[in-house]
């Protein structure tokens, strides 16, 4: 009688990997252990690999011969961090005589795919003439589901644009920088930009109308 075949065993009891949300079909999660594309393997080498649980939505695929795991869905937005943060797959390796199971945890990393948006596109304020520097004018407000927002005034508005005003980059509060003079300019149109802090940079724009 020949010696029994060695027990089929995966290289790792559990596998873990990271994948950016919205990854396209064919993209590979990066293994935490190797920093390379996630591939499961056994000793002795298995003849076939299959995902047997945790993939009911069909978002992942495994190469049956190599054990390489990739994104299967052609709908990239299906891998949405805001909807689901992680997936746990059960992978089976088999030979003609044996089978073994392992767990594969894939976590999604968040990307700024929403972008900032203002509560309204046009704001209006009335400001007394000669209001001192630092006096509040109005607060604009933008939200971004993925990132903090920074605000800034664009130059080039009518009659000097935002040259007589300032904005708090964190709160969106617009204040007086130079006391306004009605005789020089009675109306100001300020363009305000909200920008995300994440990569890729995404922006939104609104207008603040100030009447002196």
N, C-alpha and C. Protein backbone atom coordinates (compact mmCIF):
# COMPACT_ATOMS: atom_id res chain seq x y z
N UNK A 1 0.84 -1.20 0.00
CA UNK A 1 0.00 0.00 0.00
C UNK A 1 0.87 1.25 0.00
N UNK A 2 0.49 2.25 -0.81
CA UNK A 2 1.24 3.49 -0.84
C UNK A 2 0.91 4.34 0.37
N UNK A 3 1.77 5.27 0.66
CA UNK A 3 1.52 6.18 1.79
C UNK A 3 0.36 7.10 1.45
N UNK A 4 -0.44 7.46 2.47
CA UNK A 4 -1.60 8.33 2.22
C UNK A 4 -1.15 9.70 1.74
N UNK A 5 -2.01 10.33 0.95
CA UNK A 5 -1.72 11.68 0.47
C UNK A 5 -1.73 12.65 1.64
N UNK A 6 -0.84 13.64 1.64
CA UNK A 6 -0.86 14.64 2.71
C UNK A 6 -2.17 15.42 2.69
N UNK A 7 -2.59 15.83 3.88
CA UNK A 7 -3.85 16.56 3.99
C UNK A 7 -3.79 17.86 3.21
N UNK A 8 -4.85 18.15 2.51
CA UNK A 8 -4.94 19.39 1.74
C UNK A 8 -5.14 20.56 2.70
N UNK A 9 -4.31 21.58 2.61
CA UNK A 9 -4.41 22.72 3.53
C UNK A 9 -4.08 24.01 2.80
N UNK A 10 -4.81 25.06 3.16
CA UNK A 10 -4.53 26.38 2.58
C UNK A 10 -3.27 26.97 3.20
N UNK A 11 -2.62 27.85 2.44
CA UNK A 11 -1.42 28.51 2.94
C UNK A 11 -1.73 29.37 4.16
N UNK A 12 -2.93 29.94 4.22
CA UNK A 12 -3.38 30.74 5.37
C UNK A 12 -4.73 30.21 5.84
N UNK A 13 -4.92 30.23 7.15
CA UNK A 13 -6.22 29.81 7.69
C UNK A 13 -7.30 30.77 7.22
N UNK A 14 -6.98 32.07 7.25
CA UNK A 14 -7.89 33.10 6.76
C UNK A 14 -7.10 34.06 5.88
N UNK A 15 -7.75 34.58 4.88
CA UNK A 15 -7.16 35.58 4.00
C UNK A 15 -7.90 36.90 4.20
N UNK A 16 -7.18 38.01 4.07
CA UNK A 16 -7.82 39.33 4.14
C UNK A 16 -7.20 40.22 3.07
N UNK A 17 -8.02 41.12 2.55
CA UNK A 17 -7.56 41.98 1.46
C UNK A 17 -8.39 43.26 1.43
N UNK A 18 -7.87 44.26 0.74
CA UNK A 18 -8.54 45.55 0.61
C UNK A 18 -8.81 45.84 -0.86
N UNK A 19 -9.91 46.56 -1.09
CA UNK A 19 -10.32 46.87 -2.46
C UNK A 19 -11.00 48.23 -2.46
N UNK A 20 -10.59 49.17 -3.33
CA UNK A 20 -11.29 50.46 -3.41
C UNK A 20 -12.73 50.27 -3.88
N UNK A 21 -13.64 51.02 -3.30
CA UNK A 21 -15.01 50.94 -3.78
C UNK A 21 -15.08 51.35 -5.26
N UNK A 22 -16.13 50.88 -5.93
CA UNK A 22 -16.36 51.17 -7.34
C UNK A 22 -15.28 50.59 -8.26
N UNK A 23 -14.56 49.57 -7.78
CA UNK A 23 -13.55 48.95 -8.64
C UNK A 23 -14.22 48.24 -9.82
N UNK A 24 -13.63 48.30 -11.01
CA UNK A 24 -14.25 47.70 -12.19
C UNK A 24 -14.06 46.19 -12.24
N UNK A 25 -14.78 45.57 -13.13
CA UNK A 25 -14.64 44.12 -13.34
C UNK A 25 -13.20 43.79 -13.70
N UNK A 26 -12.67 42.74 -13.09
CA UNK A 26 -11.30 42.32 -13.33
C UNK A 26 -10.30 42.86 -12.34
N UNK A 27 -10.70 43.88 -11.56
CA UNK A 27 -9.79 44.42 -10.55
C UNK A 27 -9.56 43.39 -9.46
N UNK A 28 -8.38 43.43 -8.86
CA UNK A 28 -8.08 42.44 -7.83
C UNK A 28 -7.93 43.11 -6.47
N UNK A 29 -8.49 42.51 -5.43
CA UNK A 29 -8.21 42.98 -4.07
C UNK A 29 -6.74 42.76 -3.75
N UNK A 30 -6.16 43.66 -2.96
CA UNK A 30 -4.75 43.52 -2.57
C UNK A 30 -4.65 42.81 -1.23
N UNK A 31 -3.91 41.73 -1.22
CA UNK A 31 -3.74 40.91 -0.02
C UNK A 31 -3.02 41.68 1.08
N UNK A 32 -3.52 41.59 2.31
CA UNK A 32 -2.83 42.20 3.45
C UNK A 32 -1.49 41.52 3.70
N UNK A 33 -1.40 40.25 3.39
CA UNK A 33 -0.19 39.49 3.70
C UNK A 33 0.93 39.75 2.69
N UNK A 34 0.57 39.93 1.43
CA UNK A 34 1.60 40.03 0.39
C UNK A 34 1.62 41.36 -0.35
N UNK A 35 0.58 42.18 -0.15
CA UNK A 35 0.43 43.46 -0.87
C UNK A 35 0.34 43.25 -2.38
N UNK A 36 0.03 42.04 -2.79
CA UNK A 36 -0.15 41.72 -4.20
C UNK A 36 -1.59 41.28 -4.43
N UNK A 37 -1.95 41.05 -5.69
CA UNK A 37 -3.30 40.60 -5.98
C UNK A 37 -3.61 39.33 -5.18
N UNK A 38 -4.82 39.30 -4.64
CA UNK A 38 -5.21 38.20 -3.75
C UNK A 38 -5.34 36.89 -4.52
N UNK A 39 -4.56 35.90 -4.09
CA UNK A 39 -4.63 34.55 -4.65
C UNK A 39 -4.56 33.56 -3.50
N UNK A 40 -5.53 32.65 -3.44
CA UNK A 40 -5.48 31.61 -2.42
C UNK A 40 -4.75 30.40 -3.00
N UNK A 41 -4.09 29.65 -2.12
CA UNK A 41 -3.33 28.49 -2.59
C UNK A 41 -3.28 27.44 -1.50
N UNK A 42 -2.99 26.22 -1.90
CA UNK A 42 -2.95 25.11 -0.95
C UNK A 42 -1.67 24.31 -1.12
N UNK A 43 -1.41 23.51 -0.09
CA UNK A 43 -0.33 22.51 -0.13
C UNK A 43 -0.95 21.17 0.24
N UNK A 44 -0.84 20.16 -0.63
CA UNK A 44 -0.34 20.20 -2.00
C UNK A 44 -1.28 21.04 -2.89
N UNK A 45 -0.83 21.44 -4.07
CA UNK A 45 -1.66 22.29 -4.93
C UNK A 45 -3.00 21.63 -5.24
N UNK A 46 -4.05 22.43 -5.13
CA UNK A 46 -5.38 21.93 -5.45
C UNK A 46 -5.58 21.91 -6.96
N UNK A 47 -6.52 21.09 -7.39
CA UNK A 47 -6.82 21.04 -8.82
C UNK A 47 -7.95 21.99 -9.19
N UNK A 48 -8.69 22.47 -8.18
CA UNK A 48 -9.81 23.37 -8.49
C UNK A 48 -10.16 24.21 -7.27
N UNK A 49 -10.52 25.49 -7.55
CA UNK A 49 -10.96 26.41 -6.50
C UNK A 49 -12.35 26.93 -6.86
N UNK A 50 -13.15 27.18 -5.82
CA UNK A 50 -14.49 27.71 -6.05
C UNK A 50 -14.93 28.52 -4.84
N UNK A 51 -15.70 29.58 -5.08
CA UNK A 51 -16.34 30.32 -3.99
C UNK A 51 -17.65 29.62 -3.68
N UNK A 52 -17.81 29.16 -2.46
CA UNK A 52 -18.99 28.34 -2.12
C UNK A 52 -19.96 29.06 -1.20
N UNK A 53 -19.59 30.22 -0.66
CA UNK A 53 -20.51 30.97 0.20
C UNK A 53 -20.06 32.43 0.26
N UNK A 54 -21.01 33.31 0.55
CA UNK A 54 -20.72 34.72 0.72
C UNK A 54 -20.72 35.53 -0.55
N UNK A 55 -20.98 34.89 -1.67
CA UNK A 55 -20.94 35.59 -2.96
C UNK A 55 -22.29 35.52 -3.65
N UNK A 56 -23.34 35.57 -2.83
CA UNK A 56 -24.68 35.42 -3.38
C UNK A 56 -25.03 36.50 -4.41
N UNK A 57 -24.42 37.68 -4.26
CA UNK A 57 -24.70 38.77 -5.20
C UNK A 57 -23.80 38.70 -6.44
N UNK A 58 -22.89 37.74 -6.46
CA UNK A 58 -22.06 37.54 -7.64
C UNK A 58 -21.08 38.66 -7.93
N UNK A 59 -20.60 39.33 -6.89
CA UNK A 59 -19.71 40.47 -7.11
C UNK A 59 -18.24 40.07 -7.28
N UNK A 60 -17.92 38.82 -6.94
CA UNK A 60 -16.53 38.37 -7.04
C UNK A 60 -16.45 37.07 -7.84
N UNK A 61 -15.27 36.84 -8.41
CA UNK A 61 -15.03 35.60 -9.15
C UNK A 61 -13.68 35.05 -8.72
N UNK A 62 -13.50 33.75 -8.90
CA UNK A 62 -12.22 33.12 -8.61
C UNK A 62 -11.79 32.29 -9.81
N UNK A 63 -10.53 32.39 -10.15
CA UNK A 63 -10.01 31.55 -11.22
C UNK A 63 -9.95 30.11 -10.69
N UNK A 64 -10.67 29.19 -11.31
CA UNK A 64 -10.75 27.83 -10.75
C UNK A 64 -9.42 27.09 -10.74
N UNK A 65 -8.47 27.54 -11.55
CA UNK A 65 -7.18 26.84 -11.62
C UNK A 65 -6.09 27.51 -10.79
N UNK A 66 -6.12 28.84 -10.71
CA UNK A 66 -5.04 29.55 -10.00
C UNK A 66 -5.43 30.04 -8.62
N UNK A 67 -6.73 30.18 -8.35
CA UNK A 67 -7.18 30.70 -7.06
C UNK A 67 -7.16 32.21 -6.96
N UNK A 68 -6.94 32.91 -8.08
CA UNK A 68 -6.93 34.38 -8.07
C UNK A 68 -8.35 34.90 -7.97
N UNK A 69 -8.57 35.85 -7.06
CA UNK A 69 -9.89 36.43 -6.84
C UNK A 69 -9.94 37.82 -7.46
N UNK A 70 -11.01 38.10 -8.20
CA UNK A 70 -11.18 39.38 -8.86
C UNK A 70 -12.62 39.86 -8.74
N UNK A 71 -12.84 41.12 -9.12
CA UNK A 71 -14.19 41.67 -9.18
C UNK A 71 -14.89 41.07 -10.39
N UNK A 72 -16.12 40.61 -10.18
CA UNK A 72 -16.87 39.99 -11.27
C UNK A 72 -17.92 40.93 -11.85
N UNK A 73 -18.53 41.75 -11.00
CA UNK A 73 -19.63 42.58 -11.46
C UNK A 73 -19.17 43.60 -12.49
N UNK A 74 -19.95 43.79 -13.52
CA UNK A 74 -19.66 44.82 -14.52
C UNK A 74 -20.23 46.17 -14.12
N UNK A 75 -21.01 46.18 -13.04
CA UNK A 75 -21.56 47.43 -12.51
C UNK A 75 -20.66 47.90 -11.38
N UNK A 76 -19.72 48.80 -11.69
CA UNK A 76 -18.72 49.21 -10.70
C UNK A 76 -19.36 49.83 -9.47
N UNK A 77 -20.48 50.55 -9.66
CA UNK A 77 -21.11 51.21 -8.52
C UNK A 77 -21.73 50.21 -7.56
N UNK A 78 -21.80 48.93 -7.95
CA UNK A 78 -22.36 47.92 -7.05
C UNK A 78 -21.48 47.72 -5.83
N UNK A 79 -20.18 47.98 -5.97
CA UNK A 79 -19.26 47.89 -4.83
C UNK A 79 -19.18 49.27 -4.19
N UNK A 80 -20.21 49.59 -3.42
CA UNK A 80 -20.37 50.93 -2.86
C UNK A 80 -20.10 50.90 -1.36
N UNK A 81 -19.09 51.63 -0.91
CA UNK A 81 -18.72 51.66 0.50
C UNK A 81 -19.87 52.14 1.37
N UNK A 82 -20.64 53.11 0.87
CA UNK A 82 -21.74 53.65 1.67
C UNK A 82 -22.85 52.61 1.88
N UNK A 83 -22.92 51.63 0.99
CA UNK A 83 -23.94 50.58 1.11
C UNK A 83 -23.44 49.39 1.93
N UNK A 84 -22.19 49.02 1.71
CA UNK A 84 -21.62 47.86 2.40
C UNK A 84 -20.12 48.00 2.49
N UNK A 85 -19.56 47.78 3.69
CA UNK A 85 -18.14 48.01 3.93
C UNK A 85 -17.26 46.80 3.63
N UNK A 86 -17.80 45.60 3.72
CA UNK A 86 -16.93 44.42 3.61
C UNK A 86 -17.72 43.20 3.13
N UNK A 87 -16.96 42.19 2.68
CA UNK A 87 -17.53 40.92 2.22
C UNK A 87 -16.71 39.78 2.81
N UNK A 88 -17.39 38.70 3.15
CA UNK A 88 -16.73 37.50 3.66
C UNK A 88 -17.09 36.33 2.75
N UNK A 89 -16.09 35.82 2.08
CA UNK A 89 -16.28 34.71 1.16
C UNK A 89 -15.73 33.43 1.77
N UNK A 90 -16.35 32.32 1.43
CA UNK A 90 -15.82 31.00 1.78
C UNK A 90 -15.36 30.33 0.48
N UNK A 91 -14.09 29.95 0.45
CA UNK A 91 -13.49 29.36 -0.74
C UNK A 91 -13.16 27.90 -0.48
N UNK A 92 -13.49 27.06 -1.43
CA UNK A 92 -13.17 25.63 -1.34
C UNK A 92 -12.10 25.27 -2.36
N UNK A 93 -11.11 24.53 -1.89
CA UNK A 93 -10.09 23.95 -2.77
C UNK A 93 -10.31 22.44 -2.78
N UNK A 94 -10.11 21.83 -3.92
CA UNK A 94 -10.37 20.39 -3.98
C UNK A 94 -9.38 19.69 -4.90
N UNK A 95 -9.16 18.43 -4.59
CA UNK A 95 -8.43 17.51 -5.47
C UNK A 95 -9.37 16.35 -5.74
N UNK A 96 -8.89 15.34 -6.38
CA UNK A 96 -9.75 14.19 -6.66
C UNK A 96 -10.17 13.49 -5.39
N UNK A 97 -9.34 13.60 -4.32
CA UNK A 97 -9.63 12.87 -3.09
C UNK A 97 -10.02 13.76 -1.91
N UNK A 98 -9.66 15.04 -1.95
CA UNK A 98 -9.82 15.86 -0.75
C UNK A 98 -10.41 17.23 -1.08
N UNK A 99 -10.85 17.89 -0.01
CA UNK A 99 -11.34 19.26 -0.13
C UNK A 99 -10.99 20.01 1.15
N UNK A 100 -10.82 21.30 1.04
CA UNK A 100 -10.53 22.15 2.19
C UNK A 100 -11.21 23.50 2.00
N UNK A 101 -11.51 24.16 3.12
CA UNK A 101 -12.18 25.45 3.09
C UNK A 101 -11.32 26.52 3.75
N UNK A 102 -11.47 27.75 3.28
CA UNK A 102 -10.84 28.89 3.94
C UNK A 102 -11.78 30.08 3.85
N UNK A 103 -11.52 31.08 4.69
CA UNK A 103 -12.33 32.29 4.71
C UNK A 103 -11.53 33.43 4.08
N UNK A 104 -12.20 34.23 3.28
CA UNK A 104 -11.57 35.39 2.64
C UNK A 104 -12.38 36.63 2.99
N UNK A 105 -11.76 37.56 3.71
CA UNK A 105 -12.41 38.81 4.08
C UNK A 105 -11.90 39.93 3.18
N UNK A 106 -12.82 40.58 2.49
CA UNK A 106 -12.48 41.70 1.60
C UNK A 106 -13.17 42.95 2.12
N UNK A 107 -12.39 43.95 2.46
CA UNK A 107 -12.97 45.20 2.94
C UNK A 107 -12.82 46.28 1.87
N UNK A 108 -13.85 47.07 1.72
CA UNK A 108 -13.82 48.17 0.76
C UNK A 108 -13.23 49.41 1.40
N UNK A 109 -12.45 50.14 0.64
CA UNK A 109 -11.95 51.44 1.11
C UNK A 109 -12.78 52.54 0.46
N UNK A 110 -13.02 53.57 1.24
CA UNK A 110 -13.90 54.64 0.79
C UNK A 110 -13.19 55.58 -0.17
N UNK A 111 -13.90 56.01 -1.18
CA UNK A 111 -13.41 57.03 -2.11
C UNK A 111 -14.44 58.15 -2.16
N UNK A 112 -13.95 59.35 -2.45
CA UNK A 112 -14.87 60.48 -2.56
C UNK A 112 -15.54 60.44 -3.92
N UNK A 113 -16.70 59.77 -3.97
CA UNK A 113 -17.41 59.65 -5.23
C UNK A 113 -18.72 60.42 -5.22
N UNK A 114 -18.92 61.22 -4.18
CA UNK A 114 -20.17 61.98 -4.08
C UNK A 114 -19.97 63.45 -4.47
N UNK A 115 -18.95 64.07 -3.89
CA UNK A 115 -18.71 65.48 -4.17
C UNK A 115 -19.58 66.38 -3.32
N UNK A 116 -19.11 67.61 -3.07
CA UNK A 116 -19.91 68.53 -2.25
C UNK A 116 -21.11 69.06 -3.02
N UNK A 117 -22.13 69.47 -2.29
CA UNK A 117 -23.30 70.10 -2.88
C UNK A 117 -23.83 71.13 -1.90
N UNK A 118 -24.20 72.28 -2.40
CA UNK A 118 -24.72 73.36 -1.57
C UNK A 118 -26.20 73.14 -1.27
N UNK A 119 -26.61 73.62 -0.10
CA UNK A 119 -28.01 73.54 0.27
C UNK A 119 -28.87 74.35 -0.69
N UNK A 120 -28.33 75.44 -1.22
CA UNK A 120 -29.01 76.23 -2.24
C UNK A 120 -27.95 76.84 -3.14
N UNK A 121 -28.35 77.19 -4.36
CA UNK A 121 -27.40 77.70 -5.33
C UNK A 121 -27.19 79.20 -5.22
N UNK A 122 -28.17 79.91 -4.68
CA UNK A 122 -28.07 81.36 -4.53
C UNK A 122 -28.45 81.74 -3.10
N UNK A 123 -27.57 82.50 -2.46
CA UNK A 123 -27.82 83.06 -1.13
C UNK A 123 -27.91 84.58 -1.27
N UNK A 124 -28.64 85.23 -0.37
CA UNK A 124 -28.78 86.69 -0.40
C UNK A 124 -28.62 87.25 1.00
N UNK A 125 -28.02 88.43 1.07
CA UNK A 125 -27.82 89.09 2.37
C UNK A 125 -27.88 90.60 2.17
N UNK A 126 -28.29 91.29 3.23
CA UNK A 126 -28.29 92.75 3.26
C UNK A 126 -27.29 93.19 4.32
N UNK A 127 -26.42 94.13 3.96
CA UNK A 127 -25.34 94.54 4.85
C UNK A 127 -25.33 96.06 5.00
N UNK A 128 -25.34 96.57 6.23
CA UNK A 128 -25.29 98.03 6.42
C UNK A 128 -23.99 98.61 5.88
N UNK A 129 -24.09 99.79 5.30
CA UNK A 129 -22.90 100.48 4.83
C UNK A 129 -21.95 100.72 6.00
N UNK A 130 -20.65 100.67 5.71
CA UNK A 130 -19.59 100.90 6.69
C UNK A 130 -19.54 99.82 7.78
N UNK A 131 -20.14 98.65 7.52
CA UNK A 131 -20.00 97.56 8.49
C UNK A 131 -18.53 97.28 8.72
N UNK A 132 -18.12 97.07 9.97
CA UNK A 132 -16.69 96.93 10.26
C UNK A 132 -16.12 95.60 9.77
N UNK A 133 -14.83 95.57 9.61
CA UNK A 133 -14.15 94.32 9.25
C UNK A 133 -14.45 93.25 10.29
N UNK A 134 -14.77 92.08 9.83
CA UNK A 134 -15.11 90.97 10.72
C UNK A 134 -16.60 90.80 10.93
N UNK A 135 -17.40 91.79 10.52
CA UNK A 135 -18.85 91.67 10.69
C UNK A 135 -19.38 90.52 9.83
N UNK A 136 -20.30 89.70 10.37
CA UNK A 136 -20.83 88.58 9.60
C UNK A 136 -21.76 89.06 8.49
N UNK A 137 -21.68 88.40 7.36
CA UNK A 137 -22.54 88.72 6.22
C UNK A 137 -23.58 87.62 6.03
N UNK A 138 -23.13 86.40 5.84
CA UNK A 138 -24.01 85.24 5.66
C UNK A 138 -23.16 83.99 5.77
N UNK A 139 -23.84 82.89 5.98
CA UNK A 139 -23.15 81.60 5.99
C UNK A 139 -23.69 80.74 4.87
N UNK A 140 -22.79 80.22 4.06
CA UNK A 140 -23.17 79.26 3.03
C UNK A 140 -22.88 77.86 3.57
N UNK A 141 -23.57 76.88 3.02
CA UNK A 141 -23.48 75.54 3.60
C UNK A 141 -23.46 74.49 2.49
N UNK A 142 -22.44 73.65 2.50
CA UNK A 142 -22.35 72.53 1.56
C UNK A 142 -22.05 71.26 2.33
N UNK A 143 -22.53 70.13 1.83
CA UNK A 143 -22.28 68.84 2.46
C UNK A 143 -21.65 67.90 1.43
N UNK A 144 -20.86 66.98 1.93
CA UNK A 144 -20.23 65.94 1.13
C UNK A 144 -20.31 64.66 1.94
N UNK A 145 -20.93 63.64 1.38
CA UNK A 145 -21.13 62.39 2.13
C UNK A 145 -19.84 61.65 2.41
N UNK A 146 -18.76 61.97 1.69
CA UNK A 146 -17.51 61.22 1.82
C UNK A 146 -16.37 62.01 2.44
N UNK A 147 -16.50 63.32 2.55
CA UNK A 147 -15.33 64.12 2.87
C UNK A 147 -15.73 65.40 3.59
N UNK A 148 -14.75 65.97 4.30
CA UNK A 148 -14.92 67.32 4.81
C UNK A 148 -14.86 68.30 3.64
N UNK A 149 -15.44 69.49 3.86
CA UNK A 149 -15.51 70.50 2.82
C UNK A 149 -14.73 71.74 3.23
N UNK A 150 -14.00 72.32 2.28
CA UNK A 150 -13.32 73.60 2.48
C UNK A 150 -13.94 74.63 1.54
N UNK A 151 -14.07 75.87 2.06
CA UNK A 151 -14.70 76.94 1.28
C UNK A 151 -13.67 77.98 0.87
N UNK A 152 -13.93 78.63 -0.28
CA UNK A 152 -13.12 79.78 -0.67
C UNK A 152 -13.95 80.68 -1.57
N UNK A 153 -13.59 81.97 -1.57
CA UNK A 153 -14.22 82.94 -2.45
C UNK A 153 -13.43 83.05 -3.74
N UNK A 154 -14.15 83.14 -4.85
CA UNK A 154 -13.51 83.37 -6.13
C UNK A 154 -13.42 84.86 -6.38
N UNK A 155 -12.31 85.31 -6.92
CA UNK A 155 -12.18 86.71 -7.28
C UNK A 155 -12.82 86.94 -8.64
N UNK A 156 -12.97 88.21 -8.99
CA UNK A 156 -13.46 88.54 -10.33
C UNK A 156 -14.94 88.79 -10.40
N UNK A 157 -15.65 88.88 -9.25
CA UNK A 157 -17.06 89.22 -9.28
C UNK A 157 -17.24 90.68 -9.65
N UNK A 158 -18.48 91.10 -9.80
CA UNK A 158 -18.76 92.47 -10.19
C UNK A 158 -18.12 93.47 -9.25
N UNK A 159 -17.43 94.47 -9.78
CA UNK A 159 -16.84 95.52 -8.97
C UNK A 159 -15.80 95.01 -8.00
N UNK A 160 -15.06 94.00 -8.37
CA UNK A 160 -14.01 93.52 -7.47
C UNK A 160 -14.34 92.21 -6.81
N UNK A 161 -15.58 91.70 -7.07
CA UNK A 161 -15.93 90.38 -6.56
C UNK A 161 -15.80 90.29 -5.07
N UNK A 162 -15.03 89.31 -4.59
CA UNK A 162 -14.92 89.06 -3.16
C UNK A 162 -13.82 89.85 -2.49
N UNK A 163 -13.28 90.89 -3.16
CA UNK A 163 -12.13 91.59 -2.60
C UNK A 163 -12.44 92.25 -1.27
N UNK A 164 -13.69 92.61 -1.03
CA UNK A 164 -14.04 93.25 0.24
C UNK A 164 -14.58 92.30 1.27
N UNK A 165 -14.50 91.00 1.00
CA UNK A 165 -15.08 90.01 1.89
C UNK A 165 -14.09 88.86 2.13
N UNK A 166 -14.36 88.11 3.17
CA UNK A 166 -13.55 86.94 3.51
C UNK A 166 -14.48 85.80 3.87
N UNK A 167 -13.97 84.58 3.82
CA UNK A 167 -14.78 83.42 4.19
C UNK A 167 -13.96 82.49 5.06
N UNK A 168 -14.59 81.95 6.07
CA UNK A 168 -13.95 80.94 6.91
C UNK A 168 -13.96 79.63 6.14
N UNK A 169 -12.78 79.09 5.87
CA UNK A 169 -12.69 77.91 5.01
C UNK A 169 -13.34 76.68 5.62
N UNK A 170 -13.51 76.67 6.93
CA UNK A 170 -14.09 75.50 7.59
C UNK A 170 -15.59 75.61 7.79
N UNK A 171 -16.09 76.82 8.09
CA UNK A 171 -17.51 76.98 8.44
C UNK A 171 -18.36 77.56 7.32
N UNK A 172 -17.74 78.21 6.33
CA UNK A 172 -18.51 78.84 5.28
C UNK A 172 -19.08 80.20 5.65
N UNK A 173 -18.67 80.74 6.79
CA UNK A 173 -19.16 82.05 7.22
C UNK A 173 -18.43 83.15 6.44
N UNK A 174 -19.21 83.97 5.75
CA UNK A 174 -18.65 85.10 5.00
C UNK A 174 -18.70 86.34 5.89
N UNK A 175 -17.59 87.05 5.95
CA UNK A 175 -17.50 88.25 6.79
C UNK A 175 -16.95 89.41 5.97
N UNK A 176 -17.05 90.61 6.57
CA UNK A 176 -16.53 91.81 5.94
C UNK A 176 -15.01 91.84 6.08
N UNK A 177 -14.32 92.10 4.99
CA UNK A 177 -12.87 92.30 5.03
C UNK A 177 -12.54 93.79 4.96
N UNK A 178 -13.29 94.51 4.12
CA UNK A 178 -13.13 95.96 3.98
C UNK A 178 -14.51 96.60 4.12
N UNK A 179 -14.70 97.55 5.04
CA UNK A 179 -16.03 98.17 5.22
C UNK A 179 -16.60 98.65 3.88
N UNK A 180 -17.82 98.25 3.55
CA UNK A 180 -18.39 98.59 2.25
C UNK A 180 -18.82 100.05 2.17
N UNK A 181 -18.73 100.60 0.98
CA UNK A 181 -19.13 101.99 0.72
C UNK A 181 -20.22 101.98 -0.34
N UNK A 182 -21.43 102.37 0.05
CA UNK A 182 -22.58 102.33 -0.85
C UNK A 182 -22.34 103.17 -2.10
N UNK A 183 -21.66 104.31 -1.94
CA UNK A 183 -21.44 105.21 -3.07
C UNK A 183 -20.51 104.60 -4.12
N UNK A 184 -19.68 103.68 -3.72
CA UNK A 184 -18.77 103.02 -4.65
C UNK A 184 -19.40 101.79 -5.29
N UNK A 185 -20.13 101.03 -4.49
CA UNK A 185 -20.77 99.82 -5.00
C UNK A 185 -21.87 99.41 -4.05
N UNK A 186 -23.07 99.29 -4.59
CA UNK A 186 -24.22 98.98 -3.73
C UNK A 186 -24.59 97.50 -3.75
N UNK A 187 -24.10 96.76 -4.73
CA UNK A 187 -24.40 95.33 -4.82
C UNK A 187 -23.14 94.54 -5.14
N UNK A 188 -23.03 93.41 -4.51
CA UNK A 188 -21.89 92.52 -4.73
C UNK A 188 -22.41 91.12 -5.07
N UNK A 189 -21.79 90.49 -6.02
CA UNK A 189 -22.09 89.10 -6.36
C UNK A 189 -20.83 88.28 -6.12
N UNK A 190 -20.88 87.44 -5.11
CA UNK A 190 -19.71 86.66 -4.71
C UNK A 190 -19.89 85.20 -5.14
N UNK A 191 -18.88 84.67 -5.78
CA UNK A 191 -18.88 83.25 -6.14
C UNK A 191 -18.14 82.48 -5.06
N UNK A 192 -18.79 81.47 -4.51
CA UNK A 192 -18.21 80.66 -3.45
C UNK A 192 -18.02 79.24 -3.95
N UNK A 193 -16.85 78.69 -3.69
CA UNK A 193 -16.55 77.32 -4.09
C UNK A 193 -16.37 76.46 -2.85
N UNK A 194 -17.00 75.30 -2.85
CA UNK A 194 -16.77 74.28 -1.82
C UNK A 194 -16.00 73.14 -2.46
N UNK A 195 -14.92 72.73 -1.82
CA UNK A 195 -14.06 71.68 -2.38
C UNK A 195 -13.92 70.54 -1.38
N UNK A 196 -13.94 69.32 -1.88
CA UNK A 196 -13.72 68.15 -1.03
C UNK A 196 -12.25 68.07 -0.66
N UNK A 197 -11.97 67.37 0.45
CA UNK A 197 -10.58 67.19 0.88
C UNK A 197 -9.96 65.92 0.35
N UNK A 198 -10.79 65.03 -0.21
CA UNK A 198 -10.30 63.74 -0.66
C UNK A 198 -9.84 63.81 -2.12
N UNK A 199 -9.20 62.75 -2.54
CA UNK A 199 -8.78 62.58 -3.92
C UNK A 199 -9.74 61.60 -4.59
N UNK A 200 -10.34 61.95 -5.73
CA UNK A 200 -10.07 63.14 -6.53
C UNK A 200 -10.78 64.37 -5.98
N UNK A 201 -10.21 65.55 -6.25
CA UNK A 201 -10.80 66.80 -5.80
C UNK A 201 -12.11 67.03 -6.54
N UNK A 202 -13.17 67.33 -5.79
CA UNK A 202 -14.47 67.62 -6.38
C UNK A 202 -14.97 68.93 -5.80
N UNK A 203 -15.65 69.72 -6.61
CA UNK A 203 -16.07 71.05 -6.18
C UNK A 203 -17.53 71.31 -6.52
N UNK A 204 -18.08 72.31 -5.85
CA UNK A 204 -19.41 72.83 -6.15
C UNK A 204 -19.35 74.34 -6.00
N UNK A 205 -20.27 75.03 -6.62
CA UNK A 205 -20.24 76.49 -6.63
C UNK A 205 -21.62 77.05 -6.31
N UNK A 206 -21.64 78.14 -5.56
CA UNK A 206 -22.88 78.88 -5.32
C UNK A 206 -22.58 80.37 -5.43
N UNK A 207 -23.63 81.17 -5.40
CA UNK A 207 -23.50 82.63 -5.50
C UNK A 207 -24.10 83.27 -4.26
N UNK A 208 -23.39 84.24 -3.70
CA UNK A 208 -23.89 85.04 -2.58
C UNK A 208 -24.09 86.47 -3.07
N UNK A 209 -25.34 86.94 -3.05
CA UNK A 209 -25.67 88.30 -3.45
C UNK A 209 -25.75 89.18 -2.21
N UNK A 210 -24.94 90.20 -2.15
CA UNK A 210 -24.89 91.10 -0.99
C UNK A 210 -25.35 92.49 -1.43
N UNK A 211 -26.39 92.97 -0.77
CA UNK A 211 -26.89 94.32 -1.05
C UNK A 211 -26.50 95.23 0.11
N UNK A 212 -25.89 96.35 -0.22
CA UNK A 212 -25.45 97.31 0.80
C UNK A 212 -26.58 98.30 1.08
